């Protein structure tokens, strides 16, 4: 199923993660569906250019994880995917941990459910889900 159709069927044609209708309610679709949407879009972009998948998942026994690693040959870029619409500095913690394990590593990308793109110190990029369509 196409990613856009999935979101439409979930009742979210215009936004991947609508605001809760009542305080404390969990918005739909949840983080797992949004994460799947972003990963599918990243893969689709590569496949449409005739490239193979370069996405990997990383998790250690303590439970720390990175949603995706973009393998770029010499370097792996960590990617976090957050369905929230309000940027939080906590979103960078997993990327920072990963970079601490890797020699010469730095930065990473956070895709999120909001609309603004930001650059953060240390080479971190905050990207709206909409930026995938613009590339």
C-alpha atoms as a PDB file:
ATOM      1  CA  UNK A   1       0.000   0.000   0.000  1.00  0.00           C
ATOM      2  CA  UNK A   2       1.250   3.500  -0.753  1.00  0.00           C
ATOM      3  CA  UNK A   3       2.286   5.579   2.264  1.00  0.00           C
ATOM      4  CA  UNK A   4      -0.167   8.369   1.447  1.00  0.00           C
ATOM      5  CA  UNK A   5      -3.026   5.899   1.159  1.00  0.00           C
ATOM      6  CA  UNK A   6      -2.143   4.462   4.548  1.00  0.00           C
ATOM      7  CA  UNK A   7      -2.313   7.896   6.161  1.00  0.00           C
ATOM      8  CA  UNK A   8      -5.568   8.700   4.369  1.00  0.00           C
ATOM      9  CA  UNK A   9      -7.128   5.446   5.546  1.00  0.00           C
ATOM     10  CA  UNK A  10      -6.028   6.303   9.082  1.00  0.00           C
ATOM     11  CA  UNK A  11      -8.006   9.541   8.716  1.00  0.00           C
ATOM     12  CA  UNK A  12      -4.995  11.809   8.335  1.00  0.00           C
ATOM     13  CA  UNK A  13      -4.998  13.048   4.761  1.00  0.00           C
ATOM     14  CA  UNK A  14      -3.264  16.378   5.444  1.00  0.00           C
ATOM     15  CA  UNK A  15      -0.955  15.572   8.336  1.00  0.00           C
ATOM     16  CA  UNK A  16       0.881  12.431   9.390  1.00  0.00           C
ATOM     17  CA  UNK A  17       0.164  13.031  13.083  1.00  0.00           C
ATOM     18  CA  UNK A  18      -2.883  15.141  14.008  1.00  0.00           C
ATOM     19  CA  UNK A  19      -3.259  16.838  17.349  1.00  0.00           C
ATOM     20  CA  UNK A  20      -5.192  14.848  19.968  1.00  0.00           C
ATOM     21  CA  UNK A  21      -8.910  15.601  20.056  1.00  0.00           C
ATOM     22  CA  UNK A  22      -9.019  15.487  23.845  1.00  0.00           C
ATOM     23  CA  UNK A  23      -6.277  16.382  26.319  1.00  0.00           C
ATOM     24  CA  UNK A  24      -4.157  13.343  27.125  1.00  0.00           C
ATOM     25  CA  UNK A  25      -5.460  11.376  24.134  1.00  0.00           C
ATOM     26  CA  UNK A  26      -2.981   9.588  21.906  1.00  0.00           C
ATOM     27  CA  UNK A  27      -3.000  10.983  18.354  1.00  0.00           C
ATOM     28  CA  UNK A  28      -3.329   8.596  15.427  1.00  0.00           C
ATOM     29  CA  UNK A  29      -1.485   7.265  13.618  1.00  0.00           C
ATOM     30  CA  UNK A  30       0.981   6.320  16.296  1.00  0.00           C
ATOM     31  CA  UNK A  31       4.732   6.455  16.144  1.00  0.00           C
ATOM     32  CA  UNK A  32       5.094   3.039  14.521  1.00  0.00           C
ATOM     33  CA  UNK A  33       2.971   3.963  11.494  1.00  0.00           C
ATOM     34  CA  UNK A  34       4.742   7.317  11.120  1.00  0.00           C
ATOM     35  CA  UNK A  35       8.145   5.602  11.367  1.00  0.00           C
ATOM     36  CA  UNK A  36       7.093   3.119   8.708  1.00  0.00           C
ATOM     37  CA  UNK A  37       5.924   5.994   6.479  1.00  0.00           C
ATOM     38  CA  UNK A  38       9.290   7.789   6.738  1.00  0.00           C
ATOM     39  CA  UNK A  39      11.326   4.624   6.143  1.00  0.00           C
ATOM     40  CA  UNK A  40       9.214   3.780   3.089  1.00  0.00           C
ATOM     41  CA  UNK A  41       9.732   7.292   1.707  1.00  0.00           C
ATOM     42  CA  UNK A  42      13.515   7.079   2.224  1.00  0.00           C
ATOM     43  CA  UNK A  43      13.628   3.719   0.449  1.00  0.00           C
ATOM     44  CA  UNK A  44      11.331   4.898  -2.353  1.00  0.00           C
ATOM     45  CA  UNK A  45      13.657   7.828  -3.087  1.00  0.00           C
ATOM     46  CA  UNK A  46      16.632   5.473  -3.412  1.00  0.00           C
ATOM     47  CA  UNK A  47      14.808   2.869  -5.487  1.00  0.00           C
ATOM     48  CA  UNK A  48      13.447   5.528  -7.861  1.00  0.00           C
ATOM     49  CA  UNK A  49      17.056   6.551  -8.570  1.00  0.00           C
ATOM     50  CA  UNK A  50      18.031   2.940  -9.271  1.00  0.00           C
ATOM     51  CA  UNK A  51      19.950   2.558  -6.002  1.00  0.00           C
ATOM     52  CA  UNK A  52      19.788  -0.303  -3.517  1.00  0.00           C
ATOM     53  CA  UNK A  53      18.645  -0.002   0.066  1.00  0.00           C
ATOM     54  CA  UNK A  54      21.158   1.590   2.396  1.00  0.00           C
ATOM     55  CA  UNK A  55      18.988   1.512   5.533  1.00  0.00           C
ATOM     56  CA  UNK A  56      19.862  -0.499   8.601  1.00  0.00           C
ATOM     57  CA  UNK A  57      18.525  -0.701  12.133  1.00  0.00           C
ATOM     58  CA  UNK A  58      20.747  -0.669  15.224  1.00  0.00           C
ATOM     59  CA  UNK A  59      19.905  -1.745  18.747  1.00  0.00           C
ATOM     60  CA  UNK A  60      22.126  -2.814  21.614  1.00  0.00           C
ATOM     61  CA  UNK A  61      21.282  -5.232  24.418  1.00  0.00           C
ATOM     62  CA  UNK A  62      20.507  -2.389  26.860  1.00  0.00           C
ATOM     63  CA  UNK A  63      17.657  -1.275  24.557  1.00  0.00           C
ATOM     64  CA  UNK A  64      19.303   1.818  23.061  1.00  0.00           C
ATOM     65  CA  UNK A  65      18.459   2.032  19.395  1.00  0.00           C
ATOM     66  CA  UNK A  66      18.673   4.103  16.250  1.00  0.00           C
ATOM     67  CA  UNK A  67      15.597   4.040  14.011  1.00  0.00           C
ATOM     68  CA  UNK A  68      17.731   3.881  10.863  1.00  0.00           C
ATOM     69  CA  UNK A  69      21.332   4.088   9.776  1.00  0.00           C
ATOM     70  CA  UNK A  70      21.972   5.452   6.306  1.00  0.00           C
ATOM     71  CA  UNK A  71      25.025   3.549   5.079  1.00  0.00           C
ATOM     72  CA  UNK A  72      27.019   5.911   2.907  1.00  0.00           C
ATOM     73  CA  UNK A  73      30.045   3.677   2.449  1.00  0.00           C
ATOM     74  CA  UNK A  74      32.661   5.221   4.703  1.00  0.00           C
ATOM     75  CA  UNK A  75      30.151   6.666   7.163  1.00  0.00           C
ATOM     76  CA  UNK A  76      26.807   5.712   8.627  1.00  0.00           C
ATOM     77  CA  UNK A  77      24.410   8.588   9.322  1.00  0.00           C
ATOM     78  CA  UNK A  78      22.032   7.919  12.221  1.00  0.00           C
ATOM     79  CA  UNK A  79      18.359   8.789  11.734  1.00  0.00           C
ATOM     80  CA  UNK A  80      15.695   9.202  14.398  1.00  0.00           C
ATOM     81  CA  UNK A  81      12.009   9.383  13.485  1.00  0.00           C
ATOM     82  CA  UNK A  82       9.596  11.171  15.795  1.00  0.00           C
ATOM     83  CA  UNK A  83       5.886  11.563  15.111  1.00  0.00           C
ATOM     84  CA  UNK A  84       5.537  14.598  17.390  1.00  0.00           C
ATOM     85  CA  UNK A  85       5.051  18.067  15.941  1.00  0.00           C
ATOM     86  CA  UNK A  86       7.002  19.971  18.594  1.00  0.00           C
ATOM     87  CA  UNK A  87      10.792  19.645  18.404  1.00  0.00           C
ATOM     88  CA  UNK A  88      12.506  18.415  21.557  1.00  0.00           C
ATOM     89  CA  UNK A  89      16.238  18.403  22.305  1.00  0.00           C
ATOM     90  CA  UNK A  90      15.719  14.920  23.795  1.00  0.00           C
ATOM     91  CA  UNK A  91      15.282  13.649  20.245  1.00  0.00           C
ATOM     92  CA  UNK A  92      19.026  14.095  19.708  1.00  0.00           C
ATOM     93  CA  UNK A  93      20.092  11.862  22.621  1.00  0.00           C
ATOM     94  CA  UNK A  94      20.109   8.627  20.629  1.00  0.00           C
ATOM     95  CA  UNK A  95      22.038  10.272  17.796  1.00  0.00           C
ATOM     96  CA  UNK A  96      24.560  11.700  20.254  1.00  0.00           C
ATOM     97  CA  UNK A  97      24.999   8.309  21.911  1.00  0.00           C
ATOM     98  CA  UNK A  98      25.587   6.639  18.537  1.00  0.00           C
ATOM     99  CA  UNK A  99      28.122   9.298  17.551  1.00  0.00           C
ATOM    100  CA  UNK A 100      29.984   8.724  20.819  1.00  0.00           C
ATOM    101  CA  UNK A 101      30.497   5.079  19.815  1.00  0.00           C
ATOM    102  CA  UNK A 102      31.809   5.821  16.330  1.00  0.00           C
ATOM    103  CA  UNK A 103      35.235   7.239  15.452  1.00  0.00           C
ATOM    104  CA  UNK A 104      34.960  10.406  13.338  1.00  0.00           C
ATOM    105  CA  UNK A 105      31.164  10.358  13.588  1.00  0.00           C
ATOM    106  CA  UNK A 106      29.079  13.451  13.995  1.00  0.00           C
ATOM    107  CA  UNK A 107      25.596  14.656  13.395  1.00  0.00           C
ATOM    108  CA  UNK A 108      22.525  12.885  12.193  1.00  0.00           C
ATOM    109  CA  UNK A 109      18.987  13.495  11.019  1.00  0.00           C
ATOM    110  CA  UNK A 110      15.676  13.653  12.874  1.00  0.00           C
ATOM    111  CA  UNK A 111      12.529  13.400  10.743  1.00  0.00           C
ATOM    112  CA  UNK A 112       9.454  14.570  12.640  1.00  0.00           C
ATOM    113  CA  UNK A 113       5.752  15.303  12.211  1.00  0.00           C
ATOM    114  CA  UNK A 114       6.062  19.102  12.189  1.00  0.00           C
ATOM    115  CA  UNK A 115       6.627  21.591   9.390  1.00  0.00           C
ATOM    116  CA  UNK A 116       9.915  23.401  10.113  1.00  0.00           C
ATOM    117  CA  UNK A 117      13.474  22.379   9.251  1.00  0.00           C
ATOM    118  CA  UNK A 118      16.304  23.290  11.596  1.00  0.00           C
ATOM    119  CA  UNK A 119      20.070  22.966  11.751  1.00  0.00           C
ATOM    120  CA  UNK A 120      21.605  22.256  15.154  1.00  0.00           C
ATOM    121  CA  UNK A 121      25.211  22.451  16.268  1.00  0.00           C
ATOM    122  CA  UNK A 122      27.231  19.282  15.886  1.00  0.00           C
ATOM    123  CA  UNK A 123      25.874  18.548  12.410  1.00  0.00           C
ATOM    124  CA  UNK A 124      22.355  17.591  13.492  1.00  0.00           C
ATOM    125  CA  UNK A 125      19.528  18.213  11.029  1.00  0.00           C
ATOM    126  CA  UNK A 126      15.885  18.396  12.058  1.00  0.00           C
ATOM    127  CA  UNK A 127      13.700  17.711   9.023  1.00  0.00           C
ATOM    128  CA  UNK A 128       9.976  17.936   8.518  1.00  0.00           C
ATOM    129  CA  UNK A 129       8.310  14.881   7.049  1.00  0.00           C
ATOM    130  CA  UNK A 130       7.341  17.187   4.196  1.00  0.00           C
ATOM    131  CA  UNK A 131      10.993  17.663   3.244  1.00  0.00           C
ATOM    132  CA  UNK A 132      11.055  14.126   1.843  1.00  0.00           C
ATOM    133  CA  UNK A 133       8.716  15.216  -0.940  1.00  0.00           C
ATOM    134  CA  UNK A 134      10.826  18.309  -1.689  1.00  0.00           C
ATOM    135  CA  UNK A 135      14.110  16.466  -2.263  1.00  0.00           C
END
